[in-house]
Amino acid sequence: ESGGGLVQPGGSLRLSCAGSGVTFNKYGMRWYRL
């Protein structure tokens, strides 16, 4: 995962989830936060 950072309220970010040695297209994907 990448793309996070510090932003002010109202700002925007785009996060990325890249596979290393694993493919995604045949499967589902979920975003979680903690």
PDB file of all heavy atoms in Angstrom:
ATOM      1  N   GLU A   1       0.836  -1.187   0.000  1.00  0.00           N
ATOM      2  CA  GLU A   1       0.000   0.000   0.000  1.00  0.00           C
ATOM      3  C   GLU A   1       0.876   1.244   0.000  1.00  0.00           C
ATOM      4  O   GLU A   1       1.922   1.271   0.647  1.00  0.00           O
ATOM      5  CB  GLU A   1      -0.920   0.033   1.225  1.00  0.00           C
ATOM      6  CG  GLU A   1      -1.878  -1.154   1.330  1.00  0.00           C
ATOM      7  CD  GLU A   1      -1.358  -2.257   2.228  1.00  0.00           C
ATOM      8  OE1 GLU A   1      -0.132  -2.299   2.485  1.00  0.00           O
ATOM      9  OE2 GLU A   1      -2.171  -3.084   2.683  1.00  0.00           O
ATOM     10  N   SER A   2       0.431   2.267  -0.694  1.00  0.00           N
ATOM     11  CA  SER A   2       1.172   3.513  -0.747  1.00  0.00           C
ATOM     12  C   SER A   2       0.212   4.661  -1.030  1.00  0.00           C
ATOM     13  O   SER A   2      -0.952   4.447  -1.349  1.00  0.00           O
ATOM     14  CB  SER A   2       2.270   3.464  -1.808  1.00  0.00           C
ATOM     15  OG  SER A   2       1.730   3.288  -3.101  1.00  0.00           O
ATOM     16  N   GLY A   3       0.722   5.876  -0.921  1.00  0.00           N
ATOM     17  CA  GLY A   3      -0.055   7.054  -1.258  1.00  0.00           C
ATOM     18  C   GLY A   3      -0.584   7.835  -0.080  1.00  0.00           C
ATOM     19  O   GLY A   3      -1.178   8.901  -0.268  1.00  0.00           O
ATOM     20  N   GLY A   4      -0.389   7.338   1.120  1.00  0.00           N
ATOM     21  CA  GLY A   4      -0.850   8.056   2.281  1.00  0.00           C
ATOM     22  C   GLY A   4      -0.002   9.282   2.563  1.00  0.00           C
ATOM     23  O   GLY A   4       1.010   9.533   1.913  1.00  0.00           O
ATOM     24  N   GLY A   5      -0.446  10.045   3.537  1.00  0.00           N
ATOM     25  CA  GLY A   5       0.271  11.245   3.900  1.00  0.00           C
ATOM     26  C   GLY A   5      -0.540  12.115   4.818  1.00  0.00           C
ATOM     27  O   GLY A   5      -1.576  11.700   5.349  1.00  0.00           O
ATOM     28  N   LEU A   6      -0.065  13.323   5.002  1.00  0.00           N
ATOM     29  CA  LEU A   6      -0.721  14.310   5.849  1.00  0.00           C
ATOM     30  C   LEU A   6      -1.438  15.324   4.978  1.00  0.00           C
ATOM     31  O   LEU A   6      -0.827  15.940   4.093  1.00  0.00           O
ATOM     32  CB  LEU A   6       0.312  15.007   6.730  1.00  0.00           C
ATOM     33  CG  LEU A   6      -0.180  16.175   7.579  1.00  0.00           C
ATOM     34  CD1 LEU A   6      -1.196  15.703   8.611  1.00  0.00           C
ATOM     35  CD2 LEU A   6       0.989  16.867   8.251  1.00  0.00           C
ATOM     36  N   VAL A   7      -2.727  15.501   5.228  1.00  0.00           N
ATOM     37  CA  VAL A   7      -3.517  16.475   4.489  1.00  0.00           C
ATOM     38  C   VAL A   7      -4.401  17.247   5.452  1.00  0.00           C
ATOM     39  O   VAL A   7      -4.704  16.789   6.557  1.00  0.00           O
ATOM     40  CB  VAL A   7      -4.393  15.819   3.405  1.00  0.00           C
ATOM     41  CG1 VAL A   7      -3.532  15.134   2.354  1.00  0.00           C
ATOM     42  CG2 VAL A   7      -5.370  14.833   4.028  1.00  0.00           C
ATOM     43  N   GLN A   8      -4.829  18.418   5.016  1.00  0.00           N
ATOM     44  CA  GLN A   8      -5.767  19.209   5.785  1.00  0.00           C
ATOM     45  C   GLN A   8      -7.199  18.754   5.512  1.00  0.00           C
ATOM     46  O   GLN A   8      -7.474  18.136   4.478  1.00  0.00           O
ATOM     47  CB  GLN A   8      -5.618  20.688   5.441  1.00  0.00           C
ATOM     48  CG  GLN A   8      -4.288  21.291   5.855  1.00  0.00           C
ATOM     49  CD  GLN A   8      -4.210  22.772   5.572  1.00  0.00           C
ATOM     50  OE1 GLN A   8      -4.826  23.266   4.634  1.00  0.00           O
ATOM     51  NE2 GLN A   8      -3.452  23.489   6.382  1.00  0.00           N
ATOM     52  N   PRO A   9      -8.109  19.037   6.433  1.00  0.00           N
ATOM     53  CA  PRO A   9      -9.508  18.703   6.169  1.00  0.00           C
ATOM     54  C   PRO A   9      -9.981  19.273   4.840  1.00  0.00           C
ATOM     55  O   PRO A   9      -9.690  20.421   4.497  1.00  0.00           O
ATOM     56  CB  PRO A   9     -10.244  19.332   7.341  1.00  0.00           C
ATOM     57  CG  PRO A   9      -9.235  19.338   8.445  1.00  0.00           C
ATOM     58  CD  PRO A   9      -7.914  19.614   7.764  1.00  0.00           C
ATOM     59  N   GLY A  10     -10.698  18.457   4.100  1.00  0.00           N
ATOM     60  CA  GLY A  10     -11.145  18.839   2.779  1.00  0.00           C
ATOM     61  C   GLY A  10     -10.211  18.434   1.669  1.00  0.00           C
ATOM     62  O   GLY A  10     -10.581  18.531   0.487  1.00  0.00           O
ATOM     63  N   GLY A  11      -9.034  17.975   2.016  1.00  0.00           N
ATOM     64  CA  GLY A  11      -8.062  17.565   1.026  1.00  0.00           C
ATOM     65  C   GLY A  11      -8.337  16.191   0.457  1.00  0.00           C
ATOM     66  O   GLY A  11      -9.284  15.512   0.844  1.00  0.00           O
ATOM     67  N   SER A  12      -7.465  15.787  -0.459  1.00  0.00           N
ATOM     68  CA  SER A  12      -7.636  14.525  -1.163  1.00  0.00           C
ATOM     69  C   SER A  12      -6.333  13.747  -1.203  1.00  0.00           C
ATOM     70  O   SER A  12      -5.246  14.318  -1.185  1.00  0.00           O
ATOM     71  CB  SER A  12      -8.107  14.758  -2.599  1.00  0.00           C
ATOM     72  OG  SER A  12      -9.359  15.416  -2.640  1.00  0.00           O
ATOM     73  N   LEU A  13      -6.468  12.445  -1.282  1.00  0.00           N
ATOM     74  CA  LEU A  13      -5.353  11.540  -1.485  1.00  0.00           C
ATOM     75  C   LEU A  13      -5.811  10.399  -2.372  1.00  0.00           C
ATOM     76  O   LEU A  13      -6.993  10.061  -2.385  1.00  0.00           O
ATOM     77  CB  LEU A  13      -4.837  10.966  -0.165  1.00  0.00           C
ATOM     78  CG  LEU A  13      -4.073  11.878   0.783  1.00  0.00           C
ATOM     79  CD1 LEU A  13      -3.857  11.167   2.110  1.00  0.00           C
ATOM     80  CD2 LEU A  13      -2.733  12.278   0.177  1.00  0.00           C
ATOM     81  N   ARG A  14      -4.868   9.805  -3.085  1.00  0.00           N
ATOM     82  CA  ARG A  14      -5.149   8.586  -3.822  1.00  0.00           C
ATOM     83  C   ARG A  14      -4.195   7.504  -3.351  1.00  0.00           C
ATOM     84  O   ARG A  14      -2.982   7.618  -3.518  1.00  0.00           O
ATOM     85  CB  ARG A  14      -5.021   8.771  -5.333  1.00  0.00           C
ATOM     86  CG  ARG A  14      -5.543   7.544  -6.101  1.00  0.00           C
ATOM     87  CD  ARG A  14      -5.565   7.734  -7.597  1.00  0.00           C
ATOM     88  NE  ARG A  14      -4.247   7.590  -8.195  1.00  0.00           N
ATOM     89  CZ  ARG A  14      -4.036   7.238  -9.452  1.00  0.00           C
ATOM     90  NH1 ARG A  14      -5.064   6.991 -10.259  1.00  0.00           N
ATOM     91  NH2 ARG A  14      -2.803   7.155  -9.918  1.00  0.00           N
ATOM     92  N   LEU A  15      -4.764   6.473  -2.783  1.00  0.00           N
ATOM     93  CA  LEU A  15      -3.989   5.349  -2.308  1.00  0.00           C
ATOM     94  C   LEU A  15      -3.854   4.301  -3.401  1.00  0.00           C
ATOM     95  O   LEU A  15      -4.739   4.150  -4.245  1.00  0.00           O
ATOM     96  CB  LEU A  15      -4.644   4.715  -1.081  1.00  0.00           C
ATOM     97  CG  LEU A  15      -4.990   5.651   0.072  1.00  0.00           C
ATOM     98  CD1 LEU A  15      -5.543   4.842   1.242  1.00  0.00           C
ATOM     99  CD2 LEU A  15      -3.788   6.468   0.503  1.00  0.00           C
ATOM    100  N   SER A  16      -2.750   3.579  -3.361  1.00  0.00           N
ATOM    101  CA  SER A  16      -2.504   2.507  -4.308  1.00  0.00           C
ATOM    102  C   SER A  16      -2.265   1.206  -3.563  1.00  0.00           C
ATOM    103  O   SER A  16      -1.662   1.191  -2.488  1.00  0.00           O
ATOM    104  CB  SER A  16      -1.285   2.812  -5.181  1.00  0.00           C
ATOM    105  OG  SER A  16      -1.487   3.961  -5.970  1.00  0.00           O
ATOM    106  N   CYS A  17      -2.725   0.139  -4.154  1.00  0.00           N
ATOM    107  CA  CYS A  17      -2.494  -1.202  -3.645  1.00  0.00           C
ATOM    108  C   CYS A  17      -1.925  -2.016  -4.790  1.00  0.00           C
ATOM    109  O   CYS A  17      -2.639  -2.330  -5.750  1.00  0.00           O
ATOM    110  CB  CYS A  17      -3.795  -1.814  -3.127  1.00  0.00           C
ATOM    111  SG  CYS A  17      -3.670  -3.539  -2.629  1.00  0.00           S
ATOM    112  N   ALA A  18      -0.658  -2.330  -4.707  1.00  0.00           N
ATOM    113  CA  ALA A  18       0.030  -3.052  -5.759  1.00  0.00           C
ATOM    114  C   ALA A  18       0.378  -4.462  -5.302  1.00  0.00           C
ATOM    115  O   ALA A  18       0.710  -4.679  -4.137  1.00  0.00           O
ATOM    116  CB  ALA A  18       1.298  -2.315  -6.173  1.00  0.00           C
ATOM    117  N   GLY A  19       0.315  -5.381  -6.230  1.00  0.00           N
ATOM    118  CA  GLY A  19       0.653  -6.759  -5.935  1.00  0.00           C
ATOM    119  C   GLY A  19       2.096  -7.069  -6.259  1.00  0.00           C
ATOM    120  O   GLY A  19       2.611  -6.666  -7.297  1.00  0.00           O
ATOM    121  N   SER A  20       2.733  -7.787  -5.360  1.00  0.00           N
ATOM    122  CA  SER A  20       4.090  -8.269  -5.567  1.00  0.00           C
ATOM    123  C   SER A  20       4.055  -9.784  -5.490  1.00  0.00           C
ATOM    124  O   SER A  20       3.899 -10.345  -4.403  1.00  0.00           O
ATOM    125  CB  SER A  20       5.044  -7.684  -4.520  1.00  0.00           C
ATOM    126  OG  SER A  20       6.354  -8.190  -4.691  1.00  0.00           O
ATOM    127  N   GLY A  21       4.178 -10.420  -6.637  1.00  0.00           N
ATOM    128  CA  GLY A  21       4.094 -11.859  -6.679  1.00  0.00           C
ATOM    129  C   GLY A  21       2.696 -12.407  -6.508  1.00  0.00           C
ATOM    130  O   GLY A  21       2.527 -13.603  -6.228  1.00  0.00           O
ATOM    131  N   VAL A  22       1.703 -11.558  -6.678  1.00  0.00           N
ATOM    132  CA  VAL A  22       0.309 -11.956  -6.538  1.00  0.00           C
ATOM    133  C   VAL A  22      -0.526 -11.138  -7.508  1.00  0.00           C
ATOM    134  O   VAL A  22      -0.299  -9.941  -7.679  1.00  0.00           O
ATOM    135  CB  VAL A  22      -0.175 -11.779  -5.083  1.00  0.00           C
ATOM    136  CG1 VAL A  22       0.016 -10.338  -4.623  1.00  0.00           C
ATOM    137  CG2 VAL A  22      -1.619 -12.203  -4.931  1.00  0.00           C
ATOM    138  N   THR A  23      -1.487 -11.792  -8.144  1.00  0.00           N
ATOM    139  CA  THR A  23      -2.351 -11.114  -9.096  1.00  0.00           C
ATOM    140  C   THR A  23      -3.688 -10.788  -8.460  1.00  0.00           C
ATOM    141  O   THR A  23      -4.130 -11.426  -7.497  1.00  0.00           O
ATOM    142  CB  THR A  23      -2.575 -11.962 -10.352  1.00  0.00           C
ATOM    143  OG1 THR A  23      -3.143 -13.222  -9.986  1.00  0.00           O
ATOM    144  CG2 THR A  23      -1.261 -12.196 -11.073  1.00  0.00           C
ATOM    145  N   PHE A  24      -4.358  -9.790  -9.028  1.00  0.00           N
ATOM    146  CA  PHE A  24      -5.607  -9.301  -8.467  1.00  0.00           C
ATOM    147  C   PHE A  24      -6.826  -9.559  -9.347  1.00  0.00           C
ATOM    148  O   PHE A  24      -7.940  -9.678  -8.832  1.00  0.00           O
ATOM    149  CB  PHE A  24      -5.511  -7.786  -8.231  1.00  0.00           C
ATOM    150  CG  PHE A  24      -4.536  -7.370  -7.163  1.00  0.00           C
ATOM    151  CD1 PHE A  24      -4.060  -6.068  -7.129  1.00  0.00           C
ATOM    152  CD2 PHE A  24      -4.109  -8.249  -6.190  1.00  0.00           C
ATOM    153  CE1 PHE A  24      -3.173  -5.660  -6.153  1.00  0.00           C
ATOM    154  CE2 PHE A  24      -3.219  -7.860  -5.207  1.00  0.00           C
ATOM    155  CZ  PHE A  24      -2.751  -6.555  -5.191  1.00  0.00           C
ATOM    156  N   ASN A  25      -6.656  -9.595 -10.651  1.00  0.00           N
ATOM    157  CA  ASN A  25      -7.791  -9.467 -11.552  1.00  0.00           C
ATOM    158  C   ASN A  25      -8.833 -10.566 -11.435  1.00  0.00           C
ATOM    159  O   ASN A  25      -9.994 -10.346 -11.789  1.00  0.00           O
ATOM    160  CB  ASN A  25      -7.312  -9.333 -13.004  1.00  0.00           C
ATOM    161  CG  ASN A  25      -6.695 -10.603 -13.538  1.00  0.00           C
ATOM    162  OD1 ASN A  25      -6.041 -11.351 -12.824  1.00  0.00           O
ATOM    163  ND2 ASN A  25      -6.898 -10.849 -14.828  1.00  0.00           N
ATOM    164  N   LYS A  26      -8.449 -11.725 -10.955  1.00  0.00           N
ATOM    165  CA  LYS A  26      -9.400 -12.825 -10.803  1.00  0.00           C
ATOM    166  C   LYS A  26     -10.123 -12.791  -9.465  1.00  0.00           C
ATOM    167  O   LYS A  26     -11.018 -13.614  -9.229  1.00  0.00           O
ATOM    168  CB  LYS A  26      -8.696 -14.173 -10.942  1.00  0.00           C
ATOM    169  CG  LYS A  26      -8.074 -14.438 -12.301  1.00  0.00           C
ATOM    170  CD  LYS A  26      -7.421 -15.807 -12.308  1.00  0.00           C
ATOM    171  CE  LYS A  26      -6.780 -16.123 -13.642  1.00  0.00           C
ATOM    172  NZ  LYS A  26      -6.121 -17.460 -13.631  1.00  0.00           N
ATOM    173  N   TYR A  27      -9.759 -11.864  -8.619  1.00  0.00           N
ATOM    174  CA  TYR A  27     -10.231 -11.871  -7.247  1.00  0.00           C
ATOM    175  C   TYR A  27     -10.857 -10.543  -6.864  1.00  0.00           C
ATOM    176  O   TYR A  27     -10.783  -9.559  -7.594  1.00  0.00           O
ATOM    177  CB  TYR A  27      -9.071 -12.191  -6.298  1.00  0.00           C
ATOM    178  CG  TYR A  27      -8.328 -13.446  -6.669  1.00  0.00           C
ATOM    179  CD1 TYR A  27      -7.155 -13.388  -7.409  1.00  0.00           C
ATOM    180  CD2 TYR A  27      -8.816 -14.692  -6.295  1.00  0.00           C
ATOM    181  CE1 TYR A  27      -6.474 -14.543  -7.764  1.00  0.00           C
ATOM    182  CE2 TYR A  27      -8.141 -15.849  -6.652  1.00  0.00           C
ATOM    183  CZ  TYR A  27      -6.970 -15.764  -7.385  1.00  0.00           C
ATOM    184  OH  TYR A  27      -6.306 -16.918  -7.738  1.00  0.00           O
ATOM    185  N   GLY A  28     -11.489 -10.554  -5.711  1.00  0.00           N
ATOM    186  CA  GLY A  28     -11.997  -9.327  -5.141  1.00  0.00           C
ATOM    187  C   GLY A  28     -10.930  -8.624  -4.318  1.00  0.00           C
ATOM    188  O   GLY A  28      -9.885  -9.187  -3.998  1.00  0.00           O
ATOM    189  N   MET A  29     -11.222  -7.385  -3.994  1.00  0.00           N
ATOM    190  CA  MET A  29     -10.297  -6.607  -3.193  1.00  0.00           C
ATOM    191  C   MET A  29     -11.094  -5.720  -2.251  1.00  0.00           C
ATOM    192  O   MET A  29     -12.126  -5.162  -2.636  1.00  0.00           O
ATOM    193  CB  MET A  29      -9.384  -5.753  -4.071  1.00  0.00           C
ATOM    194  CG  MET A  29      -8.303  -4.990  -3.312  1.00  0.00           C
ATOM    195  SD  MET A  29      -7.089  -6.100  -2.531  1.00  0.00           S
ATOM    196  CE  MET A  29      -6.267  -6.733  -3.991  1.00  0.00           C
ATOM    197  N   ARG A  30     -10.600  -5.593  -1.041  1.00  0.00           N
ATOM    198  CA  ARG A  30     -11.211  -4.755  -0.032  1.00  0.00           C
ATOM    199  C   ARG A  30     -10.202  -3.770   0.522  1.00  0.00           C
ATOM    200  O   ARG A  30      -9.024  -4.094   0.684  1.00  0.00           O
ATOM    201  CB  ARG A  30     -11.782  -5.603   1.110  1.00  0.00           C
ATOM    202  CG  ARG A  30     -12.987  -6.450   0.708  1.00  0.00           C
ATOM    203  CD  ARG A  30     -13.335  -7.470   1.754  1.00  0.00           C
ATOM    204  NE  ARG A  30     -14.592  -8.153   1.452  1.00  0.00           N
ATOM    205  CZ  ARG A  30     -14.902  -9.378   1.853  1.00  0.00           C
ATOM    206  NH1 ARG A  30     -14.039 -10.069   2.587  1.00  0.00           N
ATOM    207  NH2 ARG A  30     -16.069  -9.916   1.528  1.00  0.00           N
ATOM    208  N   TRP A  31     -10.676  -2.594   0.797  1.00  0.00           N
ATOM    209  CA  TRP A  31      -9.909  -1.606   1.536  1.00  0.00           C
ATOM    210  C   TRP A  31     -10.452  -1.530   2.960  1.00  0.00           C
ATOM    211  O   TRP A  31     -11.664  -1.399   3.162  1.00  0.00           O
ATOM    212  CB  TRP A  31      -9.994  -0.221   0.897  1.00  0.00           C
ATOM    213  CG  TRP A  31      -9.120  -0.031  -0.293  1.00  0.00           C
ATOM    214  CD1 TRP A  31      -9.479  -0.119  -1.604  1.00  0.00           C
ATOM    215  CD2 TRP A  31      -7.725   0.318  -0.278  1.00  0.00           C
ATOM    216  NE1 TRP A  31      -8.397   0.148  -2.414  1.00  0.00           N
ATOM    217  CE2 TRP A  31      -7.308   0.420  -1.632  1.00  0.00           C
ATOM    218  CE3 TRP A  31      -6.791   0.554   0.723  1.00  0.00           C
ATOM    219  CZ2 TRP A  31      -5.995   0.739  -1.991  1.00  0.00           C
ATOM    220  CZ3 TRP A  31      -5.487   0.869   0.363  1.00  0.00           C
ATOM    221  CH2 TRP A  31      -5.105   0.961  -0.974  1.00  0.00           C
ATOM    222  N   TYR A  32      -9.542  -1.609   3.913  1.00  0.00           N
ATOM    223  CA  TYR A  32      -9.852  -1.463   5.320  1.00  0.00           C
ATOM    224  C   TYR A  32      -9.082  -0.277   5.885  1.00  0.00           C
ATOM    225  O   TYR A  32      -8.090   0.179   5.309  1.00  0.00           O
ATOM    226  CB  TYR A  32      -9.444  -2.705   6.115  1.00  0.00           C
ATOM    227  CG  TYR A  32     -10.188  -3.980   5.798  1.00  0.00           C
ATOM    228  CD1 TYR A  32      -9.781  -4.810   4.764  1.00  0.00           C
ATOM    229  CD2 TYR A  32     -11.282  -4.369   6.570  1.00  0.00           C
ATOM    230  CE1 TYR A  32     -10.436  -5.993   4.495  1.00  0.00           C
ATOM    231  CE2 TYR A  32     -11.949  -5.557   6.307  1.00  0.00           C
ATOM    232  CZ  TYR A  32     -11.517  -6.362   5.269  1.00  0.00           C
ATOM    233  OH  TYR A  32     -12.173  -7.546   5.008  1.00  0.00           O
ATOM    234  N   ARG A  33      -9.517   0.165   7.034  1.00  0.00           N
ATOM    235  CA  ARG A  33      -8.733   1.133   7.772  1.00  0.00           C
ATOM    236  C   ARG A  33      -8.787   0.820   9.249  1.00  0.00           C
ATOM    237  O   ARG A  33      -9.760   0.254   9.748  1.00  0.00           O
ATOM    238  CB  ARG A  33      -9.194   2.565   7.509  1.00  0.00           C
ATOM    239  CG  ARG A  33     -10.600   2.892   7.977  1.00  0.00           C
ATOM    240  CD  ARG A  33     -10.963   4.303   7.529  1.00  0.00           C
ATOM    241  NE  ARG A  33     -12.318   4.674   7.910  1.00  0.00           N
ATOM    242  CZ  ARG A  33     -12.920   5.783   7.520  1.00  0.00           C
ATOM    243  NH1 ARG A  33     -12.273   6.647   6.734  1.00  0.00           N
ATOM    244  NH2 ARG A  33     -14.160   6.045   7.915  1.00  0.00           N
ATOM    245  N   LEU A  34      -7.717   1.188   9.927  1.00  0.00           N
ATOM    246  CA  LEU A  34      -7.597   0.954  11.350  1.00  0.00           C
ATOM    247  C   LEU A  34      -7.140   2.249  12.003  1.00  0.00           C
ATOM    248  O   LEU A  34      -6.025   2.709  11.771  1.00  0.00           O
ATOM    249  CB  LEU A  34      -6.597  -0.167  11.630  1.00  0.00           C
ATOM    250  CG  LEU A  34      -6.404  -0.544  13.101  1.00  0.00           C
ATOM    251  CD1 LEU A  34      -7.699  -1.055  13.702  1.00  0.00           C
ATOM    252  CD2 LEU A  34      -5.297  -1.584  13.230  1.00  0.00           C
TER     253      LEU A  34
END
